[in-house]
Amino acid sequence: MKEHVIKSVSEILQQWNPLGDSASSMSDLEGYRYEAMDIIATATIAKKPVREAVALVLSQAFKIELDSEALTHFSACIERAIADG
């Protein structure tokens, strides 16, 4: 897994910030780095569609329901970042 791809995906997740205000109260969030790695692995190794990988990882990690429109938009950005990697 390439470091620059992890960084790109985590930056996209930070821009989106699906946790909203509660992100600041999470001490081990580390800029969504671990979630980025899980999304990349789920999409590339498990061969899941990126949108499905994003939804799966974030909903399981944070026990949140994601906004469908935001999920579609940011998943497309993440898919491009992975493809460009």
N, C-alpha and C. Protein backbone atom coordinates (compact mmCIF):
# COMPACT_ATOMS: atom_id res chain seq x y z
N MET A 1 0.85 -1.17 0.00
CA MET A 1 0.00 0.00 0.00
C MET A 1 0.90 1.24 0.00
N LYS A 2 0.70 2.08 -0.97
CA LYS A 2 1.57 3.24 -1.13
C LYS A 2 1.19 4.36 -0.16
N GLU A 3 2.22 4.93 0.46
CA GLU A 3 2.01 5.97 1.46
C GLU A 3 1.28 7.19 0.89
N HIS A 4 1.62 7.59 -0.33
CA HIS A 4 0.96 8.78 -0.89
C HIS A 4 -0.52 8.54 -1.16
N VAL A 5 -0.90 7.31 -1.44
CA VAL A 5 -2.32 6.99 -1.64
C VAL A 5 -3.06 7.04 -0.31
N ILE A 6 -2.44 6.49 0.73
CA ILE A 6 -3.03 6.54 2.07
C ILE A 6 -3.23 8.00 2.47
N LYS A 7 -2.22 8.81 2.23
CA LYS A 7 -2.30 10.23 2.58
C LYS A 7 -3.41 10.93 1.79
N SER A 8 -3.51 10.65 0.52
CA SER A 8 -4.56 11.26 -0.32
C SER A 8 -5.95 10.88 0.18
N VAL A 9 -6.14 9.60 0.46
CA VAL A 9 -7.45 9.14 0.92
C VAL A 9 -7.78 9.73 2.29
N SER A 10 -6.80 9.77 3.19
CA SER A 10 -7.06 10.33 4.51
C SER A 10 -7.36 11.83 4.42
N GLU A 11 -6.74 12.54 3.49
CA GLU A 11 -7.04 13.96 3.28
C GLU A 11 -8.47 14.17 2.78
N ILE A 12 -8.91 13.28 1.91
CA ILE A 12 -10.29 13.34 1.41
C ILE A 12 -11.26 13.11 2.58
N LEU A 13 -10.95 12.12 3.41
CA LEU A 13 -11.80 11.84 4.57
C LEU A 13 -11.80 13.01 5.54
N GLN A 14 -10.66 13.66 5.71
CA GLN A 14 -10.61 14.83 6.59
C GLN A 14 -11.45 15.98 6.02
N GLN A 15 -11.39 16.16 4.72
CA GLN A 15 -12.19 17.20 4.07
C GLN A 15 -13.68 16.92 4.29
N TRP A 16 -14.07 15.67 4.12
CA TRP A 16 -15.46 15.26 4.32
C TRP A 16 -15.82 15.33 5.80
N ASN A 17 -14.97 14.78 6.63
CA ASN A 17 -15.16 14.69 8.08
C ASN A 17 -16.52 14.10 8.43
N PRO A 18 -16.74 12.81 8.11
CA PRO A 18 -18.04 12.21 8.36
C PRO A 18 -18.43 12.17 9.83
N LEU A 19 -17.49 12.32 10.73
CA LEU A 19 -17.79 12.35 12.16
C LEU A 19 -18.28 13.72 12.64
N GLY A 20 -18.05 14.73 11.83
CA GLY A 20 -18.48 16.08 12.21
C GLY A 20 -17.74 16.56 13.45
N ASP A 21 -18.48 17.22 14.34
CA ASP A 21 -17.88 17.81 15.54
C ASP A 21 -17.30 16.77 16.49
N SER A 22 -17.81 15.55 16.45
CA SER A 22 -17.30 14.53 17.37
C SER A 22 -15.89 14.05 17.01
N ALA A 23 -15.41 14.41 15.83
CA ALA A 23 -14.06 14.01 15.42
C ALA A 23 -13.01 14.57 16.37
N SER A 24 -13.24 15.77 16.88
CA SER A 24 -12.25 16.41 17.76
C SER A 24 -12.16 15.70 19.11
N SER A 25 -13.17 14.95 19.49
CA SER A 25 -13.14 14.26 20.78
C SER A 25 -12.53 12.86 20.69
N MET A 26 -12.17 12.43 19.50
CA MET A 26 -11.58 11.10 19.32
C MET A 26 -10.06 11.20 19.34
N SER A 27 -9.46 10.68 20.39
CA SER A 27 -8.02 10.83 20.57
C SER A 27 -7.19 9.99 19.61
N ASP A 28 -7.73 8.88 19.12
CA ASP A 28 -6.95 7.98 18.27
C ASP A 28 -7.36 8.04 16.80
N LEU A 29 -7.97 9.13 16.37
CA LEU A 29 -8.45 9.25 14.99
C LEU A 29 -7.29 9.37 14.00
N GLU A 30 -6.26 10.12 14.34
CA GLU A 30 -5.07 10.30 13.50
C GLU A 30 -5.39 10.68 12.06
N GLY A 31 -6.31 11.63 11.90
CA GLY A 31 -6.62 12.14 10.57
C GLY A 31 -7.21 11.12 9.63
N TYR A 32 -7.96 10.18 10.16
CA TYR A 32 -8.62 9.13 9.37
C TYR A 32 -7.61 8.21 8.66
N ARG A 33 -6.38 8.16 9.13
CA ARG A 33 -5.35 7.35 8.49
C ARG A 33 -5.70 5.86 8.47
N TYR A 34 -6.13 5.33 9.60
CA TYR A 34 -6.43 3.90 9.67
C TYR A 34 -7.66 3.55 8.84
N GLU A 35 -8.62 4.43 8.83
CA GLU A 35 -9.80 4.22 8.01
C GLU A 35 -9.44 4.27 6.52
N ALA A 36 -8.53 5.16 6.16
CA ALA A 36 -8.06 5.22 4.77
C ALA A 36 -7.41 3.91 4.37
N MET A 37 -6.56 3.37 5.23
CA MET A 37 -5.90 2.09 4.92
C MET A 37 -6.93 0.97 4.80
N ASP A 38 -7.92 0.97 5.68
CA ASP A 38 -8.96 -0.06 5.61
C ASP A 38 -9.79 0.06 4.33
N ILE A 39 -10.10 1.27 3.93
CA ILE A 39 -10.87 1.49 2.70
C ILE A 39 -10.07 1.02 1.49
N ILE A 40 -8.81 1.38 1.43
CA ILE A 40 -7.95 0.96 0.31
C ILE A 40 -7.86 -0.55 0.25
N ALA A 41 -7.63 -1.18 1.40
CA ALA A 41 -7.52 -2.64 1.44
C ALA A 41 -8.83 -3.31 1.03
N THR A 42 -9.94 -2.79 1.52
CA THR A 42 -11.24 -3.37 1.19
C THR A 42 -11.53 -3.23 -0.30
N ALA A 43 -11.16 -2.10 -0.86
CA ALA A 43 -11.42 -1.87 -2.29
C ALA A 43 -10.47 -2.65 -3.18
N THR A 44 -9.19 -2.73 -2.81
CA THR A 44 -8.21 -3.35 -3.70
C THR A 44 -8.00 -4.83 -3.44
N ILE A 45 -7.94 -5.21 -2.19
CA ILE A 45 -7.68 -6.62 -1.87
C ILE A 45 -8.98 -7.43 -1.89
N ALA A 46 -10.01 -6.91 -1.24
CA ALA A 46 -11.29 -7.62 -1.20
C ALA A 46 -12.13 -7.38 -2.47
N LYS A 47 -11.64 -6.48 -3.33
CA LYS A 47 -12.29 -6.20 -4.62
C LYS A 47 -13.74 -5.70 -4.48
N LYS A 48 -13.97 -4.91 -3.45
CA LYS A 48 -15.29 -4.29 -3.26
C LYS A 48 -15.32 -2.97 -4.02
N PRO A 49 -16.49 -2.55 -4.51
CA PRO A 49 -16.60 -1.21 -5.10
C PRO A 49 -16.22 -0.18 -4.03
N VAL A 50 -15.59 0.91 -4.45
CA VAL A 50 -15.08 1.89 -3.50
C VAL A 50 -16.20 2.46 -2.63
N ARG A 51 -17.34 2.78 -3.22
CA ARG A 51 -18.44 3.33 -2.43
C ARG A 51 -18.85 2.35 -1.33
N GLU A 52 -18.93 1.09 -1.67
CA GLU A 52 -19.28 0.06 -0.69
C GLU A 52 -18.20 -0.07 0.39
N ALA A 53 -16.94 0.01 -0.03
CA ALA A 53 -15.83 -0.08 0.92
C ALA A 53 -15.86 1.09 1.90
N VAL A 54 -16.10 2.29 1.40
CA VAL A 54 -16.16 3.47 2.25
C VAL A 54 -17.31 3.33 3.25
N ALA A 55 -18.47 2.96 2.76
CA ALA A 55 -19.64 2.82 3.63
C ALA A 55 -19.40 1.75 4.70
N LEU A 56 -18.85 0.64 4.29
CA LEU A 56 -18.59 -0.46 5.22
C LEU A 56 -17.61 -0.06 6.31
N VAL A 57 -16.48 0.48 5.90
CA VAL A 57 -15.43 0.84 6.86
C VAL A 57 -15.89 1.91 7.83
N LEU A 58 -16.46 2.98 7.31
CA LEU A 58 -16.85 4.09 8.19
C LEU A 58 -18.02 3.75 9.10
N SER A 59 -19.00 3.03 8.58
CA SER A 59 -20.15 2.70 9.42
C SER A 59 -19.76 1.70 10.50
N GLN A 60 -18.85 0.79 10.20
CA GLN A 60 -18.40 -0.17 11.22
C GLN A 60 -17.46 0.49 12.23
N ALA A 61 -16.57 1.34 11.75
CA ALA A 61 -15.59 1.95 12.64
C ALA A 61 -16.23 2.93 13.62
N PHE A 62 -17.22 3.68 13.15
CA PHE A 62 -17.76 4.77 13.96
C PHE A 62 -19.21 4.59 14.37
N LYS A 63 -19.84 3.53 13.89
CA LYS A 63 -21.26 3.29 14.22
C LYS A 63 -22.13 4.50 13.86
N ILE A 64 -21.91 5.00 12.64
CA ILE A 64 -22.67 6.16 12.17
C ILE A 64 -23.40 5.82 10.87
N GLU A 65 -24.43 6.59 10.59
CA GLU A 65 -25.13 6.48 9.32
C GLU A 65 -24.61 7.60 8.43
N LEU A 66 -24.21 7.27 7.23
CA LEU A 66 -23.60 8.24 6.33
C LEU A 66 -24.63 8.87 5.42
N ASP A 67 -24.45 10.15 5.14
CA ASP A 67 -25.27 10.86 4.18
C ASP A 67 -24.99 10.29 2.79
N SER A 68 -26.02 9.82 2.12
CA SER A 68 -25.85 9.14 0.83
C SER A 68 -25.20 10.01 -0.23
N GLU A 69 -25.61 11.27 -0.29
CA GLU A 69 -25.05 12.18 -1.29
C GLU A 69 -23.56 12.44 -1.04
N ALA A 70 -23.21 12.68 0.22
CA ALA A 70 -21.80 12.89 0.57
C ALA A 70 -21.00 11.62 0.33
N LEU A 71 -21.58 10.49 0.68
CA LEU A 71 -20.90 9.21 0.46
C LEU A 71 -20.58 9.01 -1.02
N THR A 72 -21.53 9.30 -1.88
CA THR A 72 -21.31 9.15 -3.32
C THR A 72 -20.22 10.10 -3.81
N HIS A 73 -20.30 11.35 -3.39
CA HIS A 73 -19.33 12.36 -3.83
C HIS A 73 -17.91 12.00 -3.38
N PHE A 74 -17.75 11.77 -2.09
CA PHE A 74 -16.40 11.54 -1.58
C PHE A 74 -15.85 10.17 -1.97
N SER A 75 -16.73 9.20 -2.17
CA SER A 75 -16.28 7.90 -2.66
C SER A 75 -15.69 8.02 -4.07
N ALA A 76 -16.29 8.87 -4.88
CA ALA A 76 -15.76 9.10 -6.23
C ALA A 76 -14.37 9.74 -6.15
N CYS A 77 -14.20 10.66 -5.22
CA CYS A 77 -12.88 11.29 -5.02
C CYS A 77 -11.85 10.25 -4.56
N ILE A 78 -12.27 9.40 -3.64
CA ILE A 78 -11.38 8.36 -3.13
C ILE A 78 -11.03 7.36 -4.23
N GLU A 79 -12.01 7.02 -5.04
CA GLU A 79 -11.77 6.09 -6.15
C GLU A 79 -10.72 6.65 -7.12
N ARG A 80 -10.80 7.95 -7.40
CA ARG A 80 -9.79 8.59 -8.26
C ARG A 80 -8.41 8.56 -7.61
N ALA A 81 -8.35 8.83 -6.32
CA ALA A 81 -7.07 8.83 -5.61
C ALA A 81 -6.43 7.45 -5.64
N ILE A 82 -7.23 6.42 -5.47
CA ILE A 82 -6.71 5.05 -5.51
C ILE A 82 -6.24 4.71 -6.93
N ALA A 83 -7.04 5.07 -7.91
CA ALA A 83 -6.69 4.78 -9.32
C ALA A 83 -5.43 5.51 -9.76
N ASP A 84 -5.24 6.74 -9.25
CA ASP A 84 -4.07 7.54 -9.60
C ASP A 84 -2.80 7.06 -8.90
N GLY A 85 -3.00 6.29 -7.82
CA GLY A 85 -1.89 5.83 -6.99
C GLY A 85 -0.95 4.96 -7.69
